[in-house]
Amino acid sequence: MSIKSKKIEGRMRRKAHVRKKVFGTIERPRLNVFRSAKHIYAQAIDDLKGVTIAAVSTRTKDAELSGKKTERAKRVGKKLAELLKAKKVEKLVFDRNGYRFHGRVRAVADGAREGGMIL
């Protein structure tokens, strides 16, 4: 087994552990974060209906790609907060998706908090 597959397998194990406890509803959707090497993706999910309420990433057309990756992640969190406020959502459950709550993942959470969300 290669090192990369062990790393991915470990994240999937941690993800399953986190997802046992985290569940999103329409009143308090789940804020899911995915990070790749270049981009960051965030979406608010209602697990009861199985629908995505809002989604933002650094790949969207209106995304500002200047600055460091952490700064861009913070802007993604703020943008998601704006979209959710328009849909009258104020509280979220944070799903770190198996990643450590550090760096870009934390920046998305901080950006959402700055945008007025309660995590």
PDB file of N, CA and C in Angstrom:
ATOM      1  N   MET A   1       0.848  -1.171   0.000  1.00  0.00           N
ATOM      2  CA  MET A   1       0.000   0.000   0.000  1.00  0.00           C
ATOM      3  C   MET A   1       0.897   1.238   0.000  1.00  0.00           C
ATOM      4  N   SER A   2       0.601   2.193  -0.878  1.00  0.00           N
ATOM      5  CA  SER A   2       1.432   3.378  -0.969  1.00  0.00           C
ATOM      6  C   SER A   2       1.137   4.350   0.179  1.00  0.00           C
ATOM      7  N   ILE A   3       2.029   5.275   0.372  1.00  0.00           N
ATOM      8  CA  ILE A   3       1.867   6.259   1.448  1.00  0.00           C
ATOM      9  C   ILE A   3       0.636   7.122   1.200  1.00  0.00           C
ATOM     10  N   LYS A   4       0.416   7.494  -0.069  1.00  0.00           N
ATOM     11  CA  LYS A   4      -0.724   8.357  -0.401  1.00  0.00           C
ATOM     12  C   LYS A   4      -2.046   7.652  -0.086  1.00  0.00           C
ATOM     13  N   SER A   5      -2.150   6.387  -0.416  1.00  0.00           N
ATOM     14  CA  SER A   5      -3.405   5.684  -0.144  1.00  0.00           C
ATOM     15  C   SER A   5      -3.615   5.491   1.359  1.00  0.00           C
ATOM     16  N   LYS A   6      -2.532   5.332   2.121  1.00  0.00           N
ATOM     17  CA  LYS A   6      -2.653   5.242   3.577  1.00  0.00           C
ATOM     18  C   LYS A   6      -3.166   6.555   4.146  1.00  0.00           C
ATOM     19  N   LYS A   7      -2.678   7.645   3.581  1.00  0.00           N
ATOM     20  CA  LYS A   7      -3.087   8.970   4.039  1.00  0.00           C
ATOM     21  C   LYS A   7      -4.574   9.195   3.766  1.00  0.00           C
ATOM     22  N   ILE A   8      -5.008   8.829   2.566  1.00  0.00           N
ATOM     23  CA  ILE A   8      -6.412   8.981   2.194  1.00  0.00           C
ATOM     24  C   ILE A   8      -7.280   8.052   3.037  1.00  0.00           C
ATOM     25  N   GLU A   9      -6.820   6.836   3.255  1.00  0.00           N
ATOM     26  CA  GLU A   9      -7.567   5.880   4.071  1.00  0.00           C
ATOM     27  C   GLU A   9      -7.727   6.381   5.508  1.00  0.00           C
ATOM     28  N   GLY A  10      -6.687   6.986   6.032  1.00  0.00           N
ATOM     29  CA  GLY A  10      -6.755   7.548   7.381  1.00  0.00           C
ATOM     30  C   GLY A  10      -7.760   8.681   7.466  1.00  0.00           C
ATOM     31  N   ARG A  11      -7.781   9.557   6.443  1.00  0.00           N
ATOM     32  CA  ARG A  11      -8.750  10.649   6.426  1.00  0.00           C
ATOM     33  C   ARG A  11     -10.165  10.119   6.332  1.00  0.00           C
ATOM     34  N   MET A  12     -10.385   9.086   5.541  1.00  0.00           N
ATOM     35  CA  MET A  12     -11.721   8.501   5.419  1.00  0.00           C
ATOM     36  C   MET A  12     -12.177   7.881   6.746  1.00  0.00           C
ATOM     37  N   ARG A  13     -11.249   7.296   7.484  1.00  0.00           N
ATOM     38  CA  ARG A  13     -11.581   6.736   8.787  1.00  0.00           C
ATOM     39  C   ARG A  13     -11.968   7.852   9.763  1.00  0.00           C
ATOM     40  N   ARG A  14     -11.198   8.937   9.756  1.00  0.00           N
ATOM     41  CA  ARG A  14     -11.516  10.079  10.623  1.00  0.00           C
ATOM     42  C   ARG A  14     -12.819  10.730  10.198  1.00  0.00           C
ATOM     43  N   LYS A  15     -13.057  10.798   8.894  1.00  0.00           N
ATOM     44  CA  LYS A  15     -14.290  11.386   8.367  1.00  0.00           C
ATOM     45  C   LYS A  15     -15.503  10.609   8.864  1.00  0.00           C
ATOM     46  N   ALA A  16     -15.434   9.284   8.825  1.00  0.00           N
ATOM     47  CA  ALA A  16     -16.541   8.452   9.290  1.00  0.00           C
ATOM     48  C   ALA A  16     -16.782   8.656  10.779  1.00  0.00           C
ATOM     49  N   HIS A  17     -15.702   8.826  11.532  1.00  0.00           N
ATOM     50  CA  HIS A  17     -15.812   9.047  12.972  1.00  0.00           C
ATOM     51  C   HIS A  17     -16.519  10.377  13.261  1.00  0.00           C
ATOM     52  N   VAL A  18     -16.180  11.406  12.515  1.00  0.00           N
ATOM     53  CA  VAL A  18     -16.792  12.725  12.705  1.00  0.00           C
ATOM     54  C   VAL A  18     -18.256  12.694  12.252  1.00  0.00           C
ATOM     55  N   ARG A  19     -18.519  12.052  11.132  1.00  0.00           N
ATOM     56  CA  ARG A  19     -19.867  12.062  10.546  1.00  0.00           C
ATOM     57  C   ARG A  19     -20.873  11.271  11.382  1.00  0.00           C
ATOM     58  N   LYS A  20     -20.405  10.393  12.280  1.00  0.00           N
ATOM     59  CA  LYS A  20     -21.331   9.688  13.159  1.00  0.00           C
ATOM     60  C   LYS A  20     -22.040  10.673  14.072  1.00  0.00           C
ATOM     61  N   LYS A  21     -21.356  11.755  14.412  1.00  0.00           N
ATOM     62  CA  LYS A  21     -21.870  12.705  15.381  1.00  0.00           C
ATOM     63  C   LYS A  21     -22.494  13.952  14.749  1.00  0.00           C
ATOM     64  N   VAL A  22     -22.106  14.295  13.544  1.00  0.00           N
ATOM     65  CA  VAL A  22     -22.532  15.542  12.921  1.00  0.00           C
ATOM     66  C   VAL A  22     -23.661  15.258  11.935  1.00  0.00           C
ATOM     67  N   PHE A  23     -24.791  15.987  12.119  1.00  0.00           N
ATOM     68  CA  PHE A  23     -25.949  15.796  11.247  1.00  0.00           C
ATOM     69  C   PHE A  23     -26.593  17.154  11.014  1.00  0.00           C
ATOM     70  N   GLY A  24     -26.921  17.475   9.777  1.00  0.00           N
ATOM     71  CA  GLY A  24     -27.484  18.775   9.450  1.00  0.00           C
ATOM     72  C   GLY A  24     -28.980  18.717   9.207  1.00  0.00           C
ATOM     73  N   THR A  25     -29.674  19.747   9.663  1.00  0.00           N
ATOM     74  CA  THR A  25     -31.105  19.897   9.423  1.00  0.00           C
ATOM     75  C   THR A  25     -31.328  21.199   8.676  1.00  0.00           C
ATOM     76  N   ILE A  26     -32.586  21.503   8.344  1.00  0.00           N
ATOM     77  CA  ILE A  26     -32.872  22.748   7.636  1.00  0.00           C
ATOM     78  C   ILE A  26     -32.630  23.951   8.551  1.00  0.00           C
ATOM     79  N   GLU A  27     -32.888  23.800   9.869  1.00  0.00           N
ATOM     80  CA  GLU A  27     -32.656  24.902  10.797  1.00  0.00           C
ATOM     81  C   GLU A  27     -31.164  25.093  11.068  1.00  0.00           C
ATOM     82  N   ARG A  28     -30.426  23.988  11.087  1.00  0.00           N
ATOM     83  CA  ARG A  28     -28.989  24.032  11.370  1.00  0.00           C
ATOM     84  C   ARG A  28     -28.262  23.096  10.407  1.00  0.00           C
ATOM     85  N   PRO A  29     -27.997  23.569   9.174  1.00  0.00           N
ATOM     86  CA  PRO A  29     -27.352  22.710   8.177  1.00  0.00           C
ATOM     87  C   PRO A  29     -25.897  22.391   8.529  1.00  0.00           C
ATOM     88  N   ARG A  30     -25.388  21.378   7.879  1.00  0.00           N
ATOM     89  CA  ARG A  30     -24.004  20.944   8.078  1.00  0.00           C
ATOM     90  C   ARG A  30     -23.111  21.689   7.095  1.00  0.00           C
ATOM     91  N   LEU A  31     -22.091  22.368   7.615  1.00  0.00           N
ATOM     92  CA  LEU A  31     -21.118  23.066   6.783  1.00  0.00           C
ATOM     93  C   LEU A  31     -19.967  22.113   6.498  1.00  0.00           C
ATOM     94  N   ASN A  32     -19.925  21.587   5.290  1.00  0.00           N
ATOM     95  CA  ASN A  32     -18.933  20.608   4.876  1.00  0.00           C
ATOM     96  C   ASN A  32     -17.807  21.319   4.138  1.00  0.00           C
ATOM     97  N   VAL A  33     -16.569  20.962   4.446  1.00  0.00           N
ATOM     98  CA  VAL A  33     -15.402  21.583   3.829  1.00  0.00           C
ATOM     99  C   VAL A  33     -14.577  20.509   3.136  1.00  0.00           C
ATOM    100  N   PHE A  34     -14.166  20.795   1.902  1.00  0.00           N
ATOM    101  CA  PHE A  34     -13.242  19.919   1.188  1.00  0.00           C
ATOM    102  C   PHE A  34     -12.097  20.779   0.690  1.00  0.00           C
ATOM    103  N   ARG A  35     -10.880  20.291   0.867  1.00  0.00           N
ATOM    104  CA  ARG A  35      -9.742  21.048   0.370  1.00  0.00           C
ATOM    105  C   ARG A  35      -8.910  20.182  -0.562  1.00  0.00           C
ATOM    106  N   SER A  36      -8.516  20.780  -1.663  1.00  0.00           N
ATOM    107  CA  SER A  36      -7.580  20.124  -2.564  1.00  0.00           C
ATOM    108  C   SER A  36      -6.264  20.884  -2.475  1.00  0.00           C
ATOM    109  N   ALA A  37      -5.326  20.565  -3.321  1.00  0.00           N
ATOM    110  CA  ALA A  37      -4.033  21.230  -3.260  1.00  0.00           C
ATOM    111  C   ALA A  37      -4.146  22.714  -3.612  1.00  0.00           C
ATOM    112  N   LYS A  38      -5.032  23.069  -4.545  1.00  0.00           N
ATOM    113  CA  LYS A  38      -5.150  24.459  -4.993  1.00  0.00           C
ATOM    114  C   LYS A  38      -6.404  25.158  -4.482  1.00  0.00           C
ATOM    115  N   HIS A  39      -7.495  24.436  -4.318  1.00  0.00           N
ATOM    116  CA  HIS A  39      -8.789  25.069  -4.060  1.00  0.00           C
ATOM    117  C   HIS A  39      -9.402  24.597  -2.751  1.00  0.00           C
ATOM    118  N   ILE A  40     -10.451  25.314  -2.338  1.00  0.00           N
ATOM    119  CA  ILE A  40     -11.224  24.929  -1.159  1.00  0.00           C
ATOM    120  C   ILE A  40     -12.696  25.036  -1.526  1.00  0.00           C
ATOM    121  N   TYR A  41     -13.474  24.093  -1.052  1.00  0.00           N
ATOM    122  CA  TYR A  41     -14.900  24.023  -1.358  1.00  0.00           C
ATOM    123  C   TYR A  41     -15.661  23.964  -0.034  1.00  0.00           C
ATOM    124  N   ALA A  42     -16.779  24.693   0.050  1.00  0.00           N
ATOM    125  CA  ALA A  42     -17.611  24.658   1.251  1.00  0.00           C
ATOM    126  C   ALA A  42     -19.065  24.601   0.816  1.00  0.00           C
ATOM    127  N   GLN A  43     -19.852  23.781   1.505  1.00  0.00           N
ATOM    128  CA  GLN A  43     -21.271  23.701   1.185  1.00  0.00           C
ATOM    129  C   GLN A  43     -22.081  23.447   2.442  1.00  0.00           C
ATOM    130  N   ALA A  44     -23.284  24.004   2.454  1.00  0.00           N
ATOM    131  CA  ALA A  44     -24.209  23.794   3.560  1.00  0.00           C
ATOM    132  C   ALA A  44     -25.213  22.740   3.107  1.00  0.00           C
ATOM    133  N   ILE A  45     -25.374  21.685   3.900  1.00  0.00           N
ATOM    134  CA  ILE A  45     -26.162  20.522   3.493  1.00  0.00           C
ATOM    135  C   ILE A  45     -27.257  20.247   4.510  1.00  0.00           C
ATOM    136  N   ASP A  46     -28.473  19.995   4.006  1.00  0.00           N
ATOM    137  CA  ASP A  46     -29.579  19.514   4.833  1.00  0.00           C
ATOM    138  C   ASP A  46     -29.607  18.003   4.674  1.00  0.00           C
ATOM    139  N   ASP A  47     -29.210  17.281   5.718  1.00  0.00           N
ATOM    140  CA  ASP A  47     -29.113  15.824   5.637  1.00  0.00           C
ATOM    141  C   ASP A  47     -30.469  15.139   5.697  1.00  0.00           C
ATOM    142  N   LEU A  48     -31.489  15.812   6.230  1.00  0.00           N
ATOM    143  CA  LEU A  48     -32.823  15.203   6.269  1.00  0.00           C
ATOM    144  C   LEU A  48     -33.371  15.008   4.858  1.00  0.00           C
ATOM    145  N   LYS A  49     -33.229  16.036   4.025  1.00  0.00           N
ATOM    146  CA  LYS A  49     -33.708  15.965   2.642  1.00  0.00           C
ATOM    147  C   LYS A  49     -32.629  15.486   1.675  1.00  0.00           C
ATOM    148  N   GLY A  50     -31.384  15.590   2.101  1.00  0.00           N
ATOM    149  CA  GLY A  50     -30.286  15.200   1.225  1.00  0.00           C
ATOM    150  C   GLY A  50     -30.011  16.222   0.141  1.00  0.00           C
ATOM    151  N   VAL A  51     -30.168  17.513   0.460  1.00  0.00           N
ATOM    152  CA  VAL A  51     -29.954  18.570  -0.524  1.00  0.00           C
ATOM    153  C   VAL A  51     -28.895  19.553  -0.045  1.00  0.00           C
ATOM    154  N   THR A  52     -28.215  20.155  -1.007  1.00  0.00           N
ATOM    155  CA  THR A  52     -27.257  21.206  -0.722  1.00  0.00           C
ATOM    156  C   THR A  52     -27.983  22.531  -0.752  1.00  0.00           C
ATOM    157  N   ILE A  53     -27.914  23.281   0.333  1.00  0.00           N
ATOM    158  CA  ILE A  53     -28.612  24.566   0.428  1.00  0.00           C
ATOM    159  C   ILE A  53     -27.815  25.657  -0.280  1.00  0.00           C
ATOM    160  N   ALA A  54     -26.506  25.691  -0.059  1.00  0.00           N
ATOM    161  CA  ALA A  54     -25.637  26.676  -0.705  1.00  0.00           C
ATOM    162  C   ALA A  54     -24.245  26.086  -0.823  1.00  0.00           C
ATOM    163  N   ALA A  55     -23.528  26.489  -1.847  1.00  0.00           N
ATOM    164  CA  ALA A  55     -22.166  25.999  -2.060  1.00  0.00           C
ATOM    165  C   ALA A  55     -21.305  27.116  -2.635  1.00  0.00           C
ATOM    166  N   VAL A  56     -20.072  27.186  -2.168  1.00  0.00           N
ATOM    167  CA  VAL A  56     -19.114  28.194  -2.631  1.00  0.00           C
ATOM    168  C   VAL A  56     -17.749  27.529  -2.712  1.00  0.00           C
ATOM    169  N   SER A  57     -16.949  27.959  -3.658  1.00  0.00           N
ATOM    170  CA  SER A  57     -15.574  27.463  -3.741  1.00  0.00           C
ATOM    171  C   SER A  57     -14.693  28.535  -4.347  1.00  0.00           C
ATOM    172  N   THR A  58     -13.401  28.278  -4.360  1.00  0.00           N
ATOM    173  CA  THR A  58     -12.476  29.211  -4.999  1.00  0.00           C
ATOM    174  C   THR A  58     -12.498  29.046  -6.509  1.00  0.00           C
ATOM    175  N   ARG A  59     -13.253  28.097  -6.997  1.00  0.00           N
ATOM    176  CA  ARG A  59     -13.349  27.885  -8.445  1.00  0.00           C
ATOM    177  C   ARG A  59     -14.537  28.585  -9.075  1.00  0.00           C
ATOM    178  N   THR A  60     -15.423  29.190  -8.276  1.00  0.00           N
ATOM    179  CA  THR A  60     -16.577  29.891  -8.849  1.00  0.00           C
ATOM    180  C   THR A  60     -16.105  31.126  -9.607  1.00  0.00           C
ATOM    181  N   LYS A  61     -16.944  31.628 -10.497  1.00  0.00           N
ATOM    182  CA  LYS A  61     -16.545  32.733 -11.373  1.00  0.00           C
ATOM    183  C   LYS A  61     -16.236  34.015 -10.611  1.00  0.00           C
ATOM    184  N   ASP A  62     -17.001  34.302  -9.552  1.00  0.00           N
ATOM    185  CA  ASP A  62     -16.790  35.551  -8.830  1.00  0.00           C
ATOM    186  C   ASP A  62     -15.751  35.441  -7.718  1.00  0.00           C
ATOM    187  N   ALA A  63     -15.060  34.321  -7.646  1.00  0.00           N
ATOM    188  CA  ALA A  63     -14.045  34.130  -6.598  1.00  0.00           C
ATOM    189  C   ALA A  63     -12.811  34.954  -6.926  1.00  0.00           C
ATOM    190  N   GLU A  64     -12.283  35.603  -5.896  1.00  0.00           N
ATOM    191  CA  GLU A  64     -11.056  36.362  -6.046  1.00  0.00           C
ATOM    192  C   GLU A  64      -9.890  35.420  -5.802  1.00  0.00           C
ATOM    193  N   LEU A  65      -9.049  35.224  -6.771  1.00  0.00           N
ATOM    194  CA  LEU A  65      -7.970  34.251  -6.643  1.00  0.00           C
ATOM    195  C   LEU A  65      -6.653  34.868  -6.205  1.00  0.00           C
ATOM    196  N   SER A  66      -6.693  36.130  -5.759  1.00  0.00           N
ATOM    197  CA  SER A  66      -5.465  36.752  -5.278  1.00  0.00           C
ATOM    198  C   SER A  66      -5.279  36.445  -3.801  1.00  0.00           C
ATOM    199  N   GLY A  67      -4.067  36.507  -3.343  1.00  0.00           N
ATOM    200  CA  GLY A  67      -3.773  36.270  -1.935  1.00  0.00           C
ATOM    201  C   GLY A  67      -3.388  34.831  -1.670  1.00  0.00           C
ATOM    202  N   LYS A  68      -3.089  34.575  -0.397  1.00  0.00           N
ATOM    203  CA  LYS A  68      -2.695  33.235  -0.002  1.00  0.00           C
ATOM    204  C   LYS A  68      -3.915  32.322   0.083  1.00  0.00           C
ATOM    205  N   LYS A  69      -3.657  31.026   0.131  1.00  0.00           N
ATOM    206  CA  LYS A  69      -4.753  30.051   0.170  1.00  0.00           C
ATOM    207  C   LYS A  69      -5.608  30.207   1.414  1.00  0.00           C
ATOM    208  N   THR A  70      -5.010  30.574   2.533  1.00  0.00           N
ATOM    209  CA  THR A  70      -5.773  30.749   3.765  1.00  0.00           C
ATOM    210  C   THR A  70      -6.697  31.955   3.661  1.00  0.00           C
ATOM    211  N   GLU A  71      -6.223  33.022   3.049  1.00  0.00           N
ATOM    212  CA  GLU A  71      -7.058  34.216   2.854  1.00  0.00           C
ATOM    213  C   GLU A  71      -8.228  33.904   1.930  1.00  0.00           C
ATOM    214  N   ARG A  72      -7.958  33.139   0.880  1.00  0.00           N
ATOM    215  CA  ARG A  72      -9.038  32.760  -0.041  1.00  0.00           C
ATOM    216  C   ARG A  72     -10.060  31.883   0.657  1.00  0.00           C
ATOM    217  N   ALA A  73      -9.603  30.997   1.544  1.00  0.00           N
ATOM    218  CA  ALA A  73     -10.516  30.129   2.285  1.00  0.00           C
ATOM    219  C   ALA A  73     -11.419  30.960   3.196  1.00  0.00           C
ATOM    220  N   LYS A  74     -10.875  31.996   3.798  1.00  0.00           N
ATOM    221  CA  LYS A  74     -11.664  32.872   4.668  1.00  0.00           C
ATOM    222  C   LYS A  74     -12.749  33.586   3.850  1.00  0.00           C
ATOM    223  N   ARG A  75     -12.385  34.033   2.640  1.00  0.00           N
ATOM    224  CA  ARG A  75     -13.375  34.692   1.763  1.00  0.00           C
ATOM    225  C   ARG A  75     -14.483  33.725   1.361  1.00  0.00           C
ATOM    226  N   VAL A  76     -14.134  32.443   1.173  1.00  0.00           N
ATOM    227  CA  VAL A  76     -15.144  31.430   0.852  1.00  0.00           C
ATOM    228  C   VAL A  76     -16.132  31.300   2.001  1.00  0.00           C
ATOM    229  N   GLY A  77     -15.639  31.293   3.234  1.00  0.00           N
ATOM    230  CA  GLY A  77     -16.512  31.219   4.401  1.00  0.00           C
ATOM    231  C   GLY A  77     -17.441  32.409   4.500  1.00  0.00           C
ATOM    232  N   LYS A  78     -16.914  33.618   4.231  1.00  0.00           N
ATOM    233  CA  LYS A  78     -17.741  34.829   4.275  1.00  0.00           C
ATOM    234  C   LYS A  78     -18.812  34.807   3.187  1.00  0.00           C
ATOM    235  N   LYS A  79     -18.429  34.372   2.001  1.00  0.00           N
ATOM    236  CA  LYS A  79     -19.377  34.313   0.874  1.00  0.00           C
ATOM    237  C   LYS A  79     -20.495  33.313   1.172  1.00  0.00           C
ATOM    238  N   LEU A  80     -20.146  32.179   1.756  1.00  0.00           N
ATOM    239  CA  LEU A  80     -21.156  31.188   2.113  1.00  0.00           C
ATOM    240  C   LEU A  80     -22.110  31.752   3.166  1.00  0.00           C
ATOM    241  N   ALA A  81     -21.568  32.515   4.123  1.00  0.00           N
ATOM    242  CA  ALA A  81     -22.397  33.137   5.148  1.00  0.00           C
ATOM    243  C   ALA A  81     -23.391  34.120   4.529  1.00  0.00           C
ATOM    244  N   GLU A  82     -22.951  34.869   3.520  1.00  0.00           N
ATOM    245  CA  GLU A  82     -23.848  35.802   2.821  1.00  0.00           C
ATOM    246  C   GLU A  82     -25.003  35.050   2.154  1.00  0.00           C
ATOM    247  N   LEU A  83     -24.675  33.972   1.461  1.00  0.00           N
ATOM    248  CA  LEU A  83     -25.710  33.192   0.783  1.00  0.00           C
ATOM    249  C   LEU A  83     -26.707  32.593   1.774  1.00  0.00           C
ATOM    250  N   LEU A  84     -26.208  32.121   2.906  1.00  0.00           N
ATOM    251  CA  LEU A  84     -27.083  31.499   3.900  1.00  0.00           C
ATOM    252  C   LEU A  84     -27.936  32.531   4.625  1.00  0.00           C
ATOM    253  N   LYS A  85     -27.398  33.727   4.835  1.00  0.00           N
ATOM    254  CA  LYS A  85     -28.201  34.780   5.467  1.00  0.00           C
ATOM    255  C   LYS A  85     -29.371  35.166   4.571  1.00  0.00           C
ATOM    256  N   ALA A  86     -29.154  35.152   3.263  1.00  0.00           N
ATOM    257  CA  ALA A  86     -30.234  35.454   2.321  1.00  0.00           C
ATOM    258  C   ALA A  86     -31.327  34.387   2.392  1.00  0.00           C
ATOM    259  N   LYS A  87     -30.946  33.173   2.795  1.00  0.00           N
ATOM    260  CA  LYS A  87     -31.914  32.081   2.925  1.00  0.00           C
ATOM    261  C   LYS A  87     -32.395  31.915   4.358  1.00  0.00           C
ATOM    262  N   LYS A  88     -32.101  32.917   5.219  1.00  0.00           N
ATOM    263  CA  LYS A  88     -32.578  32.971   6.610  1.00  0.00           C
ATOM    264  C   LYS A  88     -32.019  31.837   7.479  1.00  0.00           C
ATOM    265  N   VAL A  89     -30.769  31.459   7.243  1.00  0.00           N
ATOM    266  CA  VAL A  89     -30.101  30.450   8.060  1.00  0.00           C
ATOM    267  C   VAL A  89     -29.043  31.168   8.886  1.00  0.00           C
ATOM    268  N   GLU A  90     -29.035  30.928  10.197  1.00  0.00           N
ATOM    269  CA  GLU A  90     -28.075  31.606  11.065  1.00  0.00           C
ATOM    270  C   GLU A  90     -27.122  30.656  11.778  1.00  0.00           C
ATOM    271  N   LYS A  91     -27.539  29.401  11.983  1.00  0.00           N
ATOM    272  CA  LYS A  91     -26.717  28.444  12.732  1.00  0.00           C
ATOM    273  C   LYS A  91     -26.266  27.316  11.815  1.00  0.00           C
ATOM    274  N   LEU A  92     -25.049  26.829  12.058  1.00  0.00           N
ATOM    275  CA  LEU A  92     -24.480  25.740  11.277  1.00  0.00           C
ATOM    276  C   LEU A  92     -23.829  24.714  12.196  1.00  0.00           C
ATOM    277  N   VAL A  93     -23.703  23.499  11.700  1.00  0.00           N
ATOM    278  CA  VAL A  93     -22.904  22.453  12.338  1.00  0.00           C
ATOM    279  C   VAL A  93     -21.685  22.276  11.448  1.00  0.00           C
ATOM    280  N   PHE A  94     -20.494  22.366  12.030  1.00  0.00           N
ATOM    281  CA  PHE A  94     -19.277  22.317  11.222  1.00  0.00           C
ATOM    282  C   PHE A  94     -18.800  20.893  11.038  1.00  0.00           C
ATOM    283  N   ASP A  95     -18.601  20.497   9.783  1.00  0.00           N
ATOM    284  CA  ASP A  95     -18.083  19.178   9.426  1.00  0.00           C
ATOM    285  C   ASP A  95     -16.713  19.383   8.795  1.00  0.00           C
ATOM    286  N   ARG A  96     -15.654  19.035   9.532  1.00  0.00           N
ATOM    287  CA  ARG A  96     -14.296  19.259   9.030  1.00  0.00           C
ATOM    288  C   ARG A  96     -13.869  18.184   8.045  1.00  0.00           C
ATOM    289  N   ASN A  97     -14.692  17.179   7.845  1.00  0.00           N
ATOM    290  CA  ASN A  97     -14.493  16.185   6.789  1.00  0.00           C
ATOM    291  C   ASN A  97     -13.211  15.375   6.957  1.00  0.00           C
ATOM    292  N   GLY A  98     -12.784  15.139   8.200  1.00  0.00           N
ATOM    293  CA  GLY A  98     -11.599  14.330   8.439  1.00  0.00           C
ATOM    294  C   GLY A  98     -10.310  15.113   8.469  1.00  0.00           C
ATOM    295  N   TYR A  99     -10.352  16.405   8.117  1.00  0.00           N
ATOM    296  CA  TYR A  99      -9.158  17.233   8.159  1.00  0.00           C
ATOM    297  C   TYR A  99      -8.962  17.779   9.568  1.00  0.00           C
ATOM    298  N   ARG A 100      -7.740  18.158   9.899  1.00  0.00           N
ATOM    299  CA  ARG A 100      -7.480  18.811  11.170  1.00  0.00           C
ATOM    300  C   ARG A 100      -8.085  20.201  11.134  1.00  0.00           C
ATOM    301  N   PHE A 101      -8.592  20.672  12.267  1.00  0.00           N
ATOM    302  CA  PHE A 101      -9.161  22.011  12.354  1.00  0.00           C
ATOM    303  C   PHE A 101      -8.002  22.993  12.467  1.00  0.00           C
ATOM    304  N   HIS A 102      -7.410  23.279  11.308  1.00  0.00           N
ATOM    305  CA  HIS A 102      -6.167  24.021  11.270  1.00  0.00           C
ATOM    306  C   HIS A 102      -6.023  24.597   9.877  1.00  0.00           C
ATOM    307  N   GLY A 103      -5.413  25.748   9.746  1.00  0.00           N
ATOM    308  CA  GLY A 103      -5.106  26.307   8.435  1.00  0.00           C
ATOM    309  C   GLY A 103      -6.335  26.708   7.645  1.00  0.00           C
ATOM    310  N   ARG A 104      -6.455  26.175   6.431  1.00  0.00           N
ATOM    311  CA  ARG A 104      -7.543  26.567   5.539  1.00  0.00           C
ATOM    312  C   ARG A 104      -8.908  26.127   6.043  1.00  0.00           C
ATOM    313  N   VAL A 105      -8.978  24.973   6.692  1.00  0.00           N
ATOM    314  CA  VAL A 105     -10.256  24.488   7.227  1.00  0.00           C
ATOM    315  C   VAL A 105     -10.733  25.440   8.322  1.00  0.00           C
ATOM    316  N   ARG A 106      -9.830  25.841   9.180  1.00  0.00           N
ATOM    317  CA  ARG A 106     -10.181  26.791  10.232  1.00  0.00           C
ATOM    318  C   ARG A 106     -10.536  28.151   9.648  1.00  0.00           C
ATOM    319  N   ALA A 107      -9.860  28.560   8.576  1.00  0.00           N
ATOM    320  CA  ALA A 107     -10.132  29.852   7.940  1.00  0.00           C
ATOM    321  C   ALA A 107     -11.553  29.904   7.384  1.00  0.00           C
ATOM    322  N   VAL A 108     -12.051  28.800   6.843  1.00  0.00           N
ATOM    323  CA  VAL A 108     -13.438  28.765   6.350  1.00  0.00           C
ATOM    324  C   VAL A 108     -14.398  28.970   7.517  1.00  0.00           C
ATOM    325  N   ALA A 109     -14.143  28.305   8.633  1.00  0.00           N
ATOM    326  CA  ALA A 109     -14.993  28.451   9.820  1.00  0.00           C
ATOM    327  C   ALA A 109     -14.938  29.881  10.349  1.00  0.00           C
ATOM    328  N   ASP A 110     -13.756  30.461  10.398  1.00  0.00           N
ATOM    329  CA  ASP A 110     -13.607  31.835  10.878  1.00  0.00           C
ATOM    330  C   ASP A 110     -14.314  32.817   9.945  1.00  0.00           C
ATOM    331  N   GLY A 111     -14.210  32.594   8.640  1.00  0.00           N
ATOM    332  CA  GLY A 111     -14.895  33.453   7.683  1.00  0.00           C
ATOM    333  C   GLY A 111     -16.400  33.370   7.827  1.00  0.00           C
ATOM    334  N   ALA A 112     -16.920  32.177   8.063  1.00  0.00           N
ATOM    335  CA  ALA A 112     -18.364  32.017   8.261  1.00  0.00           C
ATOM    336  C   ALA A 112     -18.805  32.723   9.540  1.00  0.00           C
ATOM    337  N   ARG A 113     -17.990  32.626  10.588  1.00  0.00           N
ATOM    338  CA  ARG A 113     -18.310  33.325  11.845  1.00  0.00           C
ATOM    339  C   ARG A 113     -18.310  34.832  11.643  1.00  0.00           C
ATOM    340  N   GLU A 114     -17.324  35.342  10.904  1.00  0.00           N
ATOM    341  CA  GLU A 114     -17.252  36.781  10.622  1.00  0.00           C
ATOM    342  C   GLU A 114     -18.444  37.233   9.783  1.00  0.00           C
ATOM    343  N   GLY A 115     -18.960  36.332   8.961  1.00  0.00           N
ATOM    344  CA  GLY A 115     -20.119  36.645   8.139  1.00  0.00           C
ATOM    345  C   GLY A 115     -21.427  36.593   8.925  1.00  0.00           C
ATOM    346  N   GLY A 116     -21.361  36.213  10.213  1.00  0.00           N
ATOM    347  CA  GLY A 116     -22.549  36.233  11.050  1.00  0.00           C
ATOM    348  C   GLY A 116     -23.133  34.871  11.378  1.00  0.00           C
ATOM    349  N   MET A 117     -22.474  33.806  10.977  1.00  0.00           N
ATOM    350  CA  MET A 117     -22.976  32.468  11.276  1.00  0.00           C
ATOM    351  C   MET A 117     -22.573  32.039  12.697  1.00  0.00           C
ATOM    352  N   ILE A 118     -23.385  31.200  13.306  1.00  0.00           N
ATOM    353  CA  ILE A 118     -23.078  30.634  14.607  1.00  0.00           C
ATOM    354  C   ILE A 118     -22.695  29.180  14.387  1.00  0.00           C
ATOM    355  N   LEU A 119     -21.456  28.836  14.731  1.00  0.00           N
ATOM    356  CA  LEU A 119     -20.966  27.465  14.550  1.00  0.00           C
ATOM    357  C   LEU A 119     -20.862  26.790  15.890  1.00  0.00           C
TER     358      LEU A 119
END
